[in-house]
C-alpha atoms as a PDB file:
ATOM      1  CA  UNK A   1     -26.619 183.724 -65.292  1.00  0.00           C
ATOM      2  CA  UNK A   2     -26.552 186.768 -67.579  1.00  0.00           C
ATOM      3  CA  UNK A   3     -27.779 190.130 -66.315  1.00  0.00           C
ATOM      4  CA  UNK A   4     -31.031 191.434 -67.760  1.00  0.00           C
ATOM      5  CA  UNK A   5     -30.178 193.928 -70.572  1.00  0.00           C
ATOM      6  CA  UNK A   6     -31.869 196.843 -68.787  1.00  0.00           C
ATOM      7  CA  UNK A   7     -29.825 196.162 -65.650  1.00  0.00           C
ATOM      8  CA  UNK A   8     -26.608 195.865 -67.634  1.00  0.00           C
ATOM      9  CA  UNK A   9     -27.273 199.218 -69.298  1.00  0.00           C
ATOM     10  CA  UNK A  10     -28.171 200.777 -65.940  1.00  0.00           C
ATOM     11  CA  UNK A  11     -24.957 199.605 -64.325  1.00  0.00           C
ATOM     12  CA  UNK A  12     -22.921 200.879 -67.297  1.00  0.00           C
ATOM     13  CA  UNK A  13     -24.536 204.311 -67.116  1.00  0.00           C
ATOM     14  CA  UNK A  14     -23.875 204.509 -63.392  1.00  0.00           C
ATOM     15  CA  UNK A  15     -20.306 203.289 -63.698  1.00  0.00           C
ATOM     16  CA  UNK A  16     -19.182 205.940 -66.168  1.00  0.00           C
ATOM     17  CA  UNK A  17     -19.763 208.605 -63.511  1.00  0.00           C
ATOM     18  CA  UNK A  18     -16.917 207.257 -61.373  1.00  0.00           C
ATOM     19  CA  UNK A  19     -13.800 209.326 -62.033  1.00  0.00           C
ATOM     20  CA  UNK A  20     -10.656 207.718 -63.353  1.00  0.00           C
ATOM     21  CA  UNK A  21      -8.894 209.097 -60.271  1.00  0.00           C
ATOM     22  CA  UNK A  22     -11.370 207.411 -57.951  1.00  0.00           C
ATOM     23  CA  UNK A  23     -10.168 204.948 -55.322  1.00  0.00           C
ATOM     24  CA  UNK A  24     -13.554 203.200 -55.373  1.00  0.00           C
ATOM     25  CA  UNK A  25     -13.816 199.499 -56.157  1.00  0.00           C
ATOM     26  CA  UNK A  26     -15.093 198.275 -59.511  1.00  0.00           C
ATOM     27  CA  UNK A  27     -18.152 197.074 -57.572  1.00  0.00           C
ATOM     28  CA  UNK A  28     -19.167 200.686 -56.890  1.00  0.00           C
ATOM     29  CA  UNK A  29     -21.398 202.702 -59.210  1.00  0.00           C
ATOM     30  CA  UNK A  30     -23.074 206.112 -58.979  1.00  0.00           C
ATOM     31  CA  UNK A  31     -26.283 207.646 -60.257  1.00  0.00           C
ATOM     32  CA  UNK A  32     -28.402 210.744 -59.667  1.00  0.00           C
ATOM     33  CA  UNK A  33     -32.121 210.835 -58.951  1.00  0.00           C
ATOM     34  CA  UNK A  34     -34.649 213.509 -58.210  1.00  0.00           C
ATOM     35  CA  UNK A  35     -35.602 214.052 -54.574  1.00  0.00           C
ATOM     36  CA  UNK A  36     -38.740 216.228 -54.727  1.00  0.00           C
ATOM     37  CA  UNK A  37     -39.257 215.750 -50.996  1.00  0.00           C
ATOM     38  CA  UNK A  38     -36.071 217.785 -50.527  1.00  0.00           C
ATOM     39  CA  UNK A  39     -36.491 219.993 -53.605  1.00  0.00           C
ATOM     40  CA  UNK A  40     -33.174 218.807 -55.005  1.00  0.00           C
ATOM     41  CA  UNK A  41     -31.515 215.820 -56.643  1.00  0.00           C
ATOM     42  CA  UNK A  42     -29.430 213.235 -54.821  1.00  0.00           C
ATOM     43  CA  UNK A  43     -26.305 211.385 -55.848  1.00  0.00           C
ATOM     44  CA  UNK A  44     -26.494 207.720 -54.870  1.00  0.00           C
ATOM     45  CA  UNK A  45     -23.561 205.326 -54.586  1.00  0.00           C
ATOM     46  CA  UNK A  46     -24.188 201.576 -54.846  1.00  0.00           C
ATOM     47  CA  UNK A  47     -21.903 198.700 -53.950  1.00  0.00           C
ATOM     48  CA  UNK A  48     -22.932 195.391 -55.548  1.00  0.00           C
ATOM     49  CA  UNK A  49     -21.373 192.211 -54.139  1.00  0.00           C
ATOM     50  CA  UNK A  50     -18.959 190.398 -56.439  1.00  0.00           C
ATOM     51  CA  UNK A  51     -21.353 187.453 -56.552  1.00  0.00           C
ATOM     52  CA  UNK A  52     -24.308 189.506 -57.794  1.00  0.00           C
ATOM     53  CA  UNK A  53     -23.883 189.202 -61.560  1.00  0.00           C
ATOM     54  CA  UNK A  54     -23.610 185.403 -61.595  1.00  0.00           C
ATOM     55  CA  UNK A  55     -26.252 184.765 -58.973  1.00  0.00           C
ATOM     56  CA  UNK A  56     -30.024 184.491 -58.771  1.00  0.00           C
ATOM     57  CA  UNK A  57     -30.088 185.219 -55.030  1.00  0.00           C
ATOM     58  CA  UNK A  58     -31.808 188.123 -53.329  1.00  0.00           C
ATOM     59  CA  UNK A  59     -29.626 190.371 -51.179  1.00  0.00           C
ATOM     60  CA  UNK A  60     -29.958 192.269 -47.925  1.00  0.00           C
ATOM     61  CA  UNK A  61     -29.537 196.052 -48.229  1.00  0.00           C
ATOM     62  CA  UNK A  62     -27.740 198.544 -45.998  1.00  0.00           C
ATOM     63  CA  UNK A  63     -28.551 202.236 -46.458  1.00  0.00           C
ATOM     64  CA  UNK A  64     -25.740 204.553 -45.335  1.00  0.00           C
ATOM     65  CA  UNK A  65     -25.452 208.310 -44.912  1.00  0.00           C
ATOM     66  CA  UNK A  66     -22.688 210.647 -46.162  1.00  0.00           C
ATOM     67  CA  UNK A  67     -21.790 208.579 -49.231  1.00  0.00           C
ATOM     68  CA  UNK A  68     -18.937 210.933 -50.134  1.00  0.00           C
ATOM     69  CA  UNK A  69     -16.950 209.452 -47.230  1.00  0.00           C
ATOM     70  CA  UNK A  70     -17.709 205.749 -47.697  1.00  0.00           C
ATOM     71  CA  UNK A  71     -15.962 204.493 -50.834  1.00  0.00           C
ATOM     72  CA  UNK A  72     -13.662 207.058 -52.375  1.00  0.00           C
ATOM     73  CA  UNK A  73     -10.736 208.926 -50.887  1.00  0.00           C
ATOM     74  CA  UNK A  74     -11.076 211.591 -53.602  1.00  0.00           C
ATOM     75  CA  UNK A  75     -14.547 212.635 -52.468  1.00  0.00           C
ATOM     76  CA  UNK A  76     -14.084 212.113 -48.729  1.00  0.00           C
ATOM     77  CA  UNK A  77     -13.690 214.896 -46.206  1.00  0.00           C
ATOM     78  CA  UNK A  78     -10.753 213.503 -44.206  1.00  0.00           C
ATOM     79  CA  UNK A  79     -10.436 209.930 -45.430  1.00  0.00           C
ATOM     80  CA  UNK A  80     -12.859 207.259 -46.630  1.00  0.00           C
ATOM     81  CA  UNK A  81     -14.371 204.398 -44.647  1.00  0.00           C
ATOM     82  CA  UNK A  82     -13.064 201.852 -47.217  1.00  0.00           C
ATOM     83  CA  UNK A  83     -16.412 200.060 -47.231  1.00  0.00           C
ATOM     84  CA  UNK A  84     -15.791 198.660 -50.705  1.00  0.00           C
ATOM     85  CA  UNK A  85     -12.274 197.413 -49.961  1.00  0.00           C
ATOM     86  CA  UNK A  86     -13.522 195.618 -46.885  1.00  0.00           C
ATOM     87  CA  UNK A  87     -16.518 194.020 -48.604  1.00  0.00           C
ATOM     88  CA  UNK A  88     -14.384 193.023 -51.606  1.00  0.00           C
ATOM     89  CA  UNK A  89     -12.306 190.952 -49.176  1.00  0.00           C
ATOM     90  CA  UNK A  90     -15.281 188.947 -47.919  1.00  0.00           C
ATOM     91  CA  UNK A  91     -16.057 185.601 -49.534  1.00  0.00           C
ATOM     92  CA  UNK A  92     -19.706 185.109 -50.522  1.00  0.00           C
ATOM     93  CA  UNK A  93     -20.856 188.456 -49.166  1.00  0.00           C
ATOM     94  CA  UNK A  94     -24.560 188.932 -49.885  1.00  0.00           C
ATOM     95  CA  UNK A  95     -25.271 192.566 -49.078  1.00  0.00           C
ATOM     96  CA  UNK A  96     -25.912 195.596 -51.267  1.00  0.00           C
ATOM     97  CA  UNK A  97     -24.717 198.912 -49.842  1.00  0.00           C
ATOM     98  CA  UNK A  98     -26.575 202.084 -50.828  1.00  0.00           C
ATOM     99  CA  UNK A  99     -24.907 205.364 -49.882  1.00  0.00           C
ATOM    100  CA  UNK A 100     -26.745 208.695 -50.049  1.00  0.00           C
ATOM    101  CA  UNK A 101     -24.608 211.802 -50.521  1.00  0.00           C
ATOM    102  CA  UNK A 102     -25.177 214.493 -47.930  1.00  0.00           C
ATOM    103  CA  UNK A 103     -26.466 217.861 -49.045  1.00  0.00           C
ATOM    104  CA  UNK A 104     -23.311 219.845 -48.199  1.00  0.00           C
ATOM    105  CA  UNK A 105     -24.615 223.080 -46.637  1.00  0.00           C
ATOM    106  CA  UNK A 106     -28.030 221.379 -46.266  1.00  0.00           C
ATOM    107  CA  UNK A 107     -26.609 218.391 -44.405  1.00  0.00           C
ATOM    108  CA  UNK A 108     -27.683 219.606 -40.971  1.00  0.00           C
ATOM    109  CA  UNK A 109     -31.220 220.280 -42.194  1.00  0.00           C
ATOM    110  CA  UNK A 110     -31.543 216.870 -43.831  1.00  0.00           C
ATOM    111  CA  UNK A 111     -30.158 214.714 -41.032  1.00  0.00           C
ATOM    112  CA  UNK A 112     -31.819 216.254 -37.964  1.00  0.00           C
ATOM    113  CA  UNK A 113     -35.377 215.404 -36.887  1.00  0.00           C
ATOM    114  CA  UNK A 114     -35.875 218.486 -34.729  1.00  0.00           C
ATOM    115  CA  UNK A 115     -34.779 222.103 -35.003  1.00  0.00           C
ATOM    116  CA  UNK A 116     -32.014 223.342 -32.723  1.00  0.00           C
ATOM    117  CA  UNK A 117     -32.453 226.875 -31.302  1.00  0.00           C
ATOM    118  CA  UNK A 118     -28.988 227.884 -32.544  1.00  0.00           C
ATOM    119  CA  UNK A 119     -28.175 225.559 -35.418  1.00  0.00           C
ATOM    120  CA  UNK A 120     -31.593 225.193 -37.037  1.00  0.00           C
ATOM    121  CA  UNK A 121     -32.255 221.948 -38.920  1.00  0.00           C
ATOM    122  CA  UNK A 122     -35.215 219.664 -38.467  1.00  0.00           C
ATOM    123  CA  UNK A 123     -36.022 218.299 -41.957  1.00  0.00           C
ATOM    124  CA  UNK A 124     -35.184 214.634 -41.388  1.00  0.00           C
ATOM    125  CA  UNK A 125     -38.780 213.587 -42.056  1.00  0.00           C
ATOM    126  CA  UNK A 126     -38.458 214.858 -45.641  1.00  0.00           C
ATOM    127  CA  UNK A 127     -35.132 213.060 -46.038  1.00  0.00           C
ATOM    128  CA  UNK A 128     -36.645 209.810 -44.785  1.00  0.00           C
ATOM    129  CA  UNK A 129     -39.669 210.247 -47.037  1.00  0.00           C
ATOM    130  CA  UNK A 130     -37.231 210.377 -49.941  1.00  0.00           C
ATOM    131  CA  UNK A 131     -35.485 207.237 -48.721  1.00  0.00           C
ATOM    132  CA  UNK A 132     -38.650 205.281 -47.977  1.00  0.00           C
ATOM    133  CA  UNK A 133     -40.936 206.439 -50.795  1.00  0.00           C
ATOM    134  CA  UNK A 134     -38.501 207.045 -53.674  1.00  0.00           C
ATOM    135  CA  UNK A 135     -35.031 205.577 -53.174  1.00  0.00           C
ATOM    136  CA  UNK A 136     -35.896 202.242 -51.570  1.00  0.00           C
ATOM    137  CA  UNK A 137     -38.614 201.381 -54.131  1.00  0.00           C
ATOM    138  CA  UNK A 138     -36.143 202.212 -56.921  1.00  0.00           C
ATOM    139  CA  UNK A 139     -33.440 200.000 -55.429  1.00  0.00           C
ATOM    140  CA  UNK A 140     -35.913 197.171 -54.830  1.00  0.00           C
ATOM    141  CA  UNK A 141     -37.185 197.384 -58.406  1.00  0.00           C
ATOM    142  CA  UNK A 142     -33.761 197.517 -60.073  1.00  0.00           C
ATOM    143  CA  UNK A 143     -31.939 194.910 -58.011  1.00  0.00           C
ATOM    144  CA  UNK A 144     -32.646 191.555 -56.412  1.00  0.00           C
ATOM    145  CA  UNK A 145     -33.220 192.617 -52.825  1.00  0.00           C
ATOM    146  CA  UNK A 146     -34.846 191.250 -49.714  1.00  0.00           C
ATOM    147  CA  UNK A 147     -37.129 194.253 -49.179  1.00  0.00           C
ATOM    148  CA  UNK A 148     -38.488 193.415 -45.718  1.00  0.00           C
ATOM    149  CA  UNK A 149     -37.318 195.261 -42.601  1.00  0.00           C
ATOM    150  CA  UNK A 150     -35.488 192.192 -41.279  1.00  0.00           C
ATOM    151  CA  UNK A 151     -33.061 192.476 -44.198  1.00  0.00           C
ATOM    152  CA  UNK A 152     -32.894 196.296 -44.385  1.00  0.00           C
ATOM    153  CA  UNK A 153     -30.401 198.167 -42.202  1.00  0.00           C
ATOM    154  CA  UNK A 154     -29.437 201.814 -41.881  1.00  0.00           C
ATOM    155  CA  UNK A 155     -26.051 203.149 -40.733  1.00  0.00           C
ATOM    156  CA  UNK A 156     -24.646 206.612 -40.121  1.00  0.00           C
ATOM    157  CA  UNK A 157     -22.220 208.614 -38.007  1.00  0.00           C
ATOM    158  CA  UNK A 158     -22.518 211.879 -36.094  1.00  0.00           C
ATOM    159  CA  UNK A 159     -25.624 213.624 -37.483  1.00  0.00           C
ATOM    160  CA  UNK A 160     -25.956 210.563 -39.715  1.00  0.00           C
ATOM    161  CA  UNK A 161     -25.978 208.440 -36.572  1.00  0.00           C
ATOM    162  CA  UNK A 162     -28.795 210.560 -35.174  1.00  0.00           C
ATOM    163  CA  UNK A 163     -30.698 210.205 -38.452  1.00  0.00           C
ATOM    164  CA  UNK A 164     -30.191 206.436 -38.584  1.00  0.00           C
ATOM    165  CA  UNK A 165     -31.426 206.028 -35.029  1.00  0.00           C
ATOM    166  CA  UNK A 166     -34.426 208.247 -35.705  1.00  0.00           C
ATOM    167  CA  UNK A 167     -35.226 206.208 -38.824  1.00  0.00           C
ATOM    168  CA  UNK A 168     -35.467 202.869 -37.043  1.00  0.00           C
ATOM    169  CA  UNK A 169     -37.646 204.369 -34.301  1.00  0.00           C
ATOM    170  CA  UNK A 170     -39.897 206.246 -36.732  1.00  0.00           C
ATOM    171  CA  UNK A 171     -40.135 203.563 -39.434  1.00  0.00           C
ATOM    172  CA  UNK A 172     -39.525 200.128 -37.868  1.00  0.00           C
ATOM    173  CA  UNK A 173     -41.515 198.508 -40.667  1.00  0.00           C
ATOM    174  CA  UNK A 174     -38.856 199.734 -43.111  1.00  0.00           C
ATOM    175  CA  UNK A 175     -35.608 199.490 -41.132  1.00  0.00           C
ATOM    176  CA  UNK A 176     -35.025 196.472 -38.915  1.00  0.00           C
ATOM    177  CA  UNK A 177     -31.551 197.306 -37.612  1.00  0.00           C
ATOM    178  CA  UNK A 178     -29.409 200.404 -37.214  1.00  0.00           C
ATOM    179  CA  UNK A 179     -25.713 201.156 -36.881  1.00  0.00           C
ATOM    180  CA  UNK A 180     -25.588 204.287 -34.748  1.00  0.00           C
ATOM    181  CA  UNK A 181     -22.053 205.703 -34.718  1.00  0.00           C
ATOM    182  CA  UNK A 182     -21.223 208.737 -32.538  1.00  0.00           C
ATOM    183  CA  UNK A 183     -24.855 209.924 -32.605  1.00  0.00           C
ATOM    184  CA  UNK A 184     -25.592 213.616 -32.107  1.00  0.00           C
ATOM    185  CA  UNK A 185     -28.226 213.082 -29.427  1.00  0.00           C
ATOM    186  CA  UNK A 186     -27.234 216.486 -28.028  1.00  0.00           C
ATOM    187  CA  UNK A 187     -29.031 218.181 -30.926  1.00  0.00           C
ATOM    188  CA  UNK A 188     -32.422 217.884 -29.232  1.00  0.00           C
ATOM    189  CA  UNK A 189     -33.736 216.292 -26.043  1.00  0.00           C
ATOM    190  CA  UNK A 190     -36.886 215.464 -27.994  1.00  0.00           C
ATOM    191  CA  UNK A 191     -35.213 212.316 -29.325  1.00  0.00           C
ATOM    192  CA  UNK A 192     -35.558 210.768 -25.861  1.00  0.00           C
ATOM    193  CA  UNK A 193     -39.227 211.724 -25.664  1.00  0.00           C
ATOM    194  CA  UNK A 194     -39.784 210.114 -29.070  1.00  0.00           C
ATOM    195  CA  UNK A 195     -38.317 206.827 -27.873  1.00  0.00           C
ATOM    196  CA  UNK A 196     -40.234 206.980 -24.603  1.00  0.00           C
ATOM    197  CA  UNK A 197     -43.504 207.410 -26.486  1.00  0.00           C
ATOM    198  CA  UNK A 198     -42.841 204.845 -29.240  1.00  0.00           C
ATOM    199  CA  UNK A 199     -43.707 201.179 -29.579  1.00  0.00           C
ATOM    200  CA  UNK A 200     -40.432 199.470 -30.469  1.00  0.00           C
ATOM    201  CA  UNK A 201     -40.776 196.073 -32.155  1.00  0.00           C
ATOM    202  CA  UNK A 202     -39.094 193.170 -30.385  1.00  0.00           C
ATOM    203  CA  UNK A 203     -37.183 192.487 -33.594  1.00  0.00           C
ATOM    204  CA  UNK A 204     -35.452 195.911 -33.797  1.00  0.00           C
ATOM    205  CA  UNK A 205     -31.676 195.783 -33.318  1.00  0.00           C
ATOM    206  CA  UNK A 206     -29.236 198.565 -32.423  1.00  0.00           C
ATOM    207  CA  UNK A 207     -25.443 198.779 -32.693  1.00  0.00           C
ATOM    208  CA  UNK A 208     -24.043 201.836 -30.904  1.00  0.00           C
ATOM    209  CA  UNK A 209     -20.463 203.055 -31.210  1.00  0.00           C
ATOM    210  CA  UNK A 210     -18.678 205.973 -29.570  1.00  0.00           C
ATOM    211  CA  UNK A 211     -15.150 207.038 -28.663  1.00  0.00           C
ATOM    212  CA  UNK A 212     -14.110 208.000 -25.160  1.00  0.00           C
ATOM    213  CA  UNK A 213     -12.389 211.150 -26.491  1.00  0.00           C
ATOM    214  CA  UNK A 214     -15.403 212.613 -28.304  1.00  0.00           C
ATOM    215  CA  UNK A 215     -17.476 215.402 -26.743  1.00  0.00           C
ATOM    216  CA  UNK A 216     -18.090 215.272 -23.009  1.00  0.00           C
ATOM    217  CA  UNK A 217     -21.749 214.325 -23.487  1.00  0.00           C
ATOM    218  CA  UNK A 218     -21.270 211.634 -26.159  1.00  0.00           C
ATOM    219  CA  UNK A 219     -20.794 208.580 -23.924  1.00  0.00           C
ATOM    220  CA  UNK A 220     -23.273 209.659 -21.203  1.00  0.00           C
ATOM    221  CA  UNK A 221     -25.906 210.367 -23.867  1.00  0.00           C
ATOM    222  CA  UNK A 222     -25.318 206.960 -25.421  1.00  0.00           C
ATOM    223  CA  UNK A 223     -25.676 205.248 -22.033  1.00  0.00           C
ATOM    224  CA  UNK A 224     -28.859 207.229 -21.384  1.00  0.00           C
ATOM    225  CA  UNK A 225     -30.362 206.078 -24.674  1.00  0.00           C
ATOM    226  CA  UNK A 226     -29.466 202.413 -24.287  1.00  0.00           C
ATOM    227  CA  UNK A 227     -30.953 202.429 -20.767  1.00  0.00           C
ATOM    228  CA  UNK A 228     -34.150 203.954 -22.167  1.00  0.00           C
ATOM    229  CA  UNK A 229     -34.363 201.320 -24.910  1.00  0.00           C
ATOM    230  CA  UNK A 230     -34.036 198.539 -22.352  1.00  0.00           C
ATOM    231  CA  UNK A 231     -36.700 200.210 -20.226  1.00  0.00           C
ATOM    232  CA  UNK A 232     -38.925 200.135 -23.307  1.00  0.00           C
ATOM    233  CA  UNK A 233     -38.457 196.386 -23.530  1.00  0.00           C
ATOM    234  CA  UNK A 234     -35.662 196.012 -26.092  1.00  0.00           C
ATOM    235  CA  UNK A 235     -33.766 192.851 -25.190  1.00  0.00           C
ATOM    236  CA  UNK A 236     -30.134 193.178 -24.171  1.00  0.00           C
ATOM    237  CA  UNK A 237     -29.000 190.877 -26.965  1.00  0.00           C
ATOM    238  CA  UNK A 238     -30.604 193.265 -29.475  1.00  0.00           C
ATOM    239  CA  UNK A 239     -28.344 196.098 -28.300  1.00  0.00           C
ATOM    240  CA  UNK A 240     -24.581 196.351 -28.670  1.00  0.00           C
ATOM    241  CA  UNK A 241     -22.917 199.422 -27.209  1.00  0.00           C
ATOM    242  CA  UNK A 242     -19.190 199.731 -27.860  1.00  0.00           C
ATOM    243  CA  UNK A 243     -17.014 202.469 -26.378  1.00  0.00           C
ATOM    244  CA  UNK A 244     -13.576 202.759 -27.962  1.00  0.00           C
ATOM    245  CA  UNK A 245     -10.974 203.957 -25.464  1.00  0.00           C
ATOM    246  CA  UNK A 246      -9.182 206.950 -26.942  1.00  0.00           C
ATOM    247  CA  UNK A 247     -11.546 207.070 -29.921  1.00  0.00           C
ATOM    248  CA  UNK A 248     -12.172 210.512 -31.416  1.00  0.00           C
ATOM    249  CA  UNK A 249     -15.006 211.930 -33.504  1.00  0.00           C
ATOM    250  CA  UNK A 250     -13.585 211.147 -36.935  1.00  0.00           C
ATOM    251  CA  UNK A 251     -13.685 208.904 -39.984  1.00  0.00           C
ATOM    252  CA  UNK A 252     -10.904 206.692 -38.624  1.00  0.00           C
ATOM    253  CA  UNK A 253     -13.047 205.661 -35.643  1.00  0.00           C
ATOM    254  CA  UNK A 254     -15.988 204.777 -37.859  1.00  0.00           C
ATOM    255  CA  UNK A 255     -13.888 203.084 -40.566  1.00  0.00           C
ATOM    256  CA  UNK A 256     -11.967 200.893 -38.128  1.00  0.00           C
ATOM    257  CA  UNK A 257     -15.116 199.711 -36.370  1.00  0.00           C
ATOM    258  CA  UNK A 258     -17.367 199.263 -39.376  1.00  0.00           C
ATOM    259  CA  UNK A 259     -16.478 195.572 -39.966  1.00  0.00           C
ATOM    260  CA  UNK A 260     -17.564 194.436 -36.509  1.00  0.00           C
ATOM    261  CA  UNK A 261     -20.742 196.506 -36.636  1.00  0.00           C
ATOM    262  CA  UNK A 262     -21.520 195.226 -40.129  1.00  0.00           C
ATOM    263  CA  UNK A 263     -21.216 191.597 -39.115  1.00  0.00           C
ATOM    264  CA  UNK A 264     -23.310 192.114 -35.997  1.00  0.00           C
ATOM    265  CA  UNK A 265     -26.069 193.855 -37.949  1.00  0.00           C
ATOM    266  CA  UNK A 266     -26.057 191.660 -41.046  1.00  0.00           C
ATOM    267  CA  UNK A 267     -24.793 188.253 -40.049  1.00  0.00           C
ATOM    268  CA  UNK A 268     -26.565 187.691 -36.732  1.00  0.00           C
END
């Protein structure tokens, strides 16, 4: 099947933004869009499965934070996650990955739901409004997606892990599953109160990851949250909590454990 002309043009325009020095796969493209909710513009990275062009199928979508670190070693902070290389190796993969670049000095503001007395922040609602009301409708209109929550996941690490967890609690009708890597639950105790006061759909699914050599509170906080979710009625088989012995708070931990998390979130 041939791509619709408008889609072909769109992909070409996005693709020319990828630098010749980029380590990103040919399946990765980039575009910018206005984010009035955040009073800025956002750079969006998209990975289309190799099967997309010659298929009529609809695809699940995974939204991921900190796109600079996902696909390209040239734009990463201390090494990319190699999301594209891994997905390129999968036969008949049927998932679109959408990465949202963080706002550099505004990253803490964008990815935290509550203000910290020392670090500030607390503008995650605006960030999620951009995702839900602007970005997701654009992706769903431009590509063949399965737009329902069952087929829409969100993944992030550190502050991005906090944001991804907050998103599935706040908007369960939009995000059906979340990959929560090294979440910064320390940022505000209010995240526990939010969960305690929320109705969590029986269908919501959570994949938690942490390293034993991260901050002293990382693993205890993760255990506290998973216990609270179970108290709220989330079934044990809808929660995976993986602690990596010796794992540190870095891209290597998240890169090495992405494949297992991806398959649990998408394939189950």
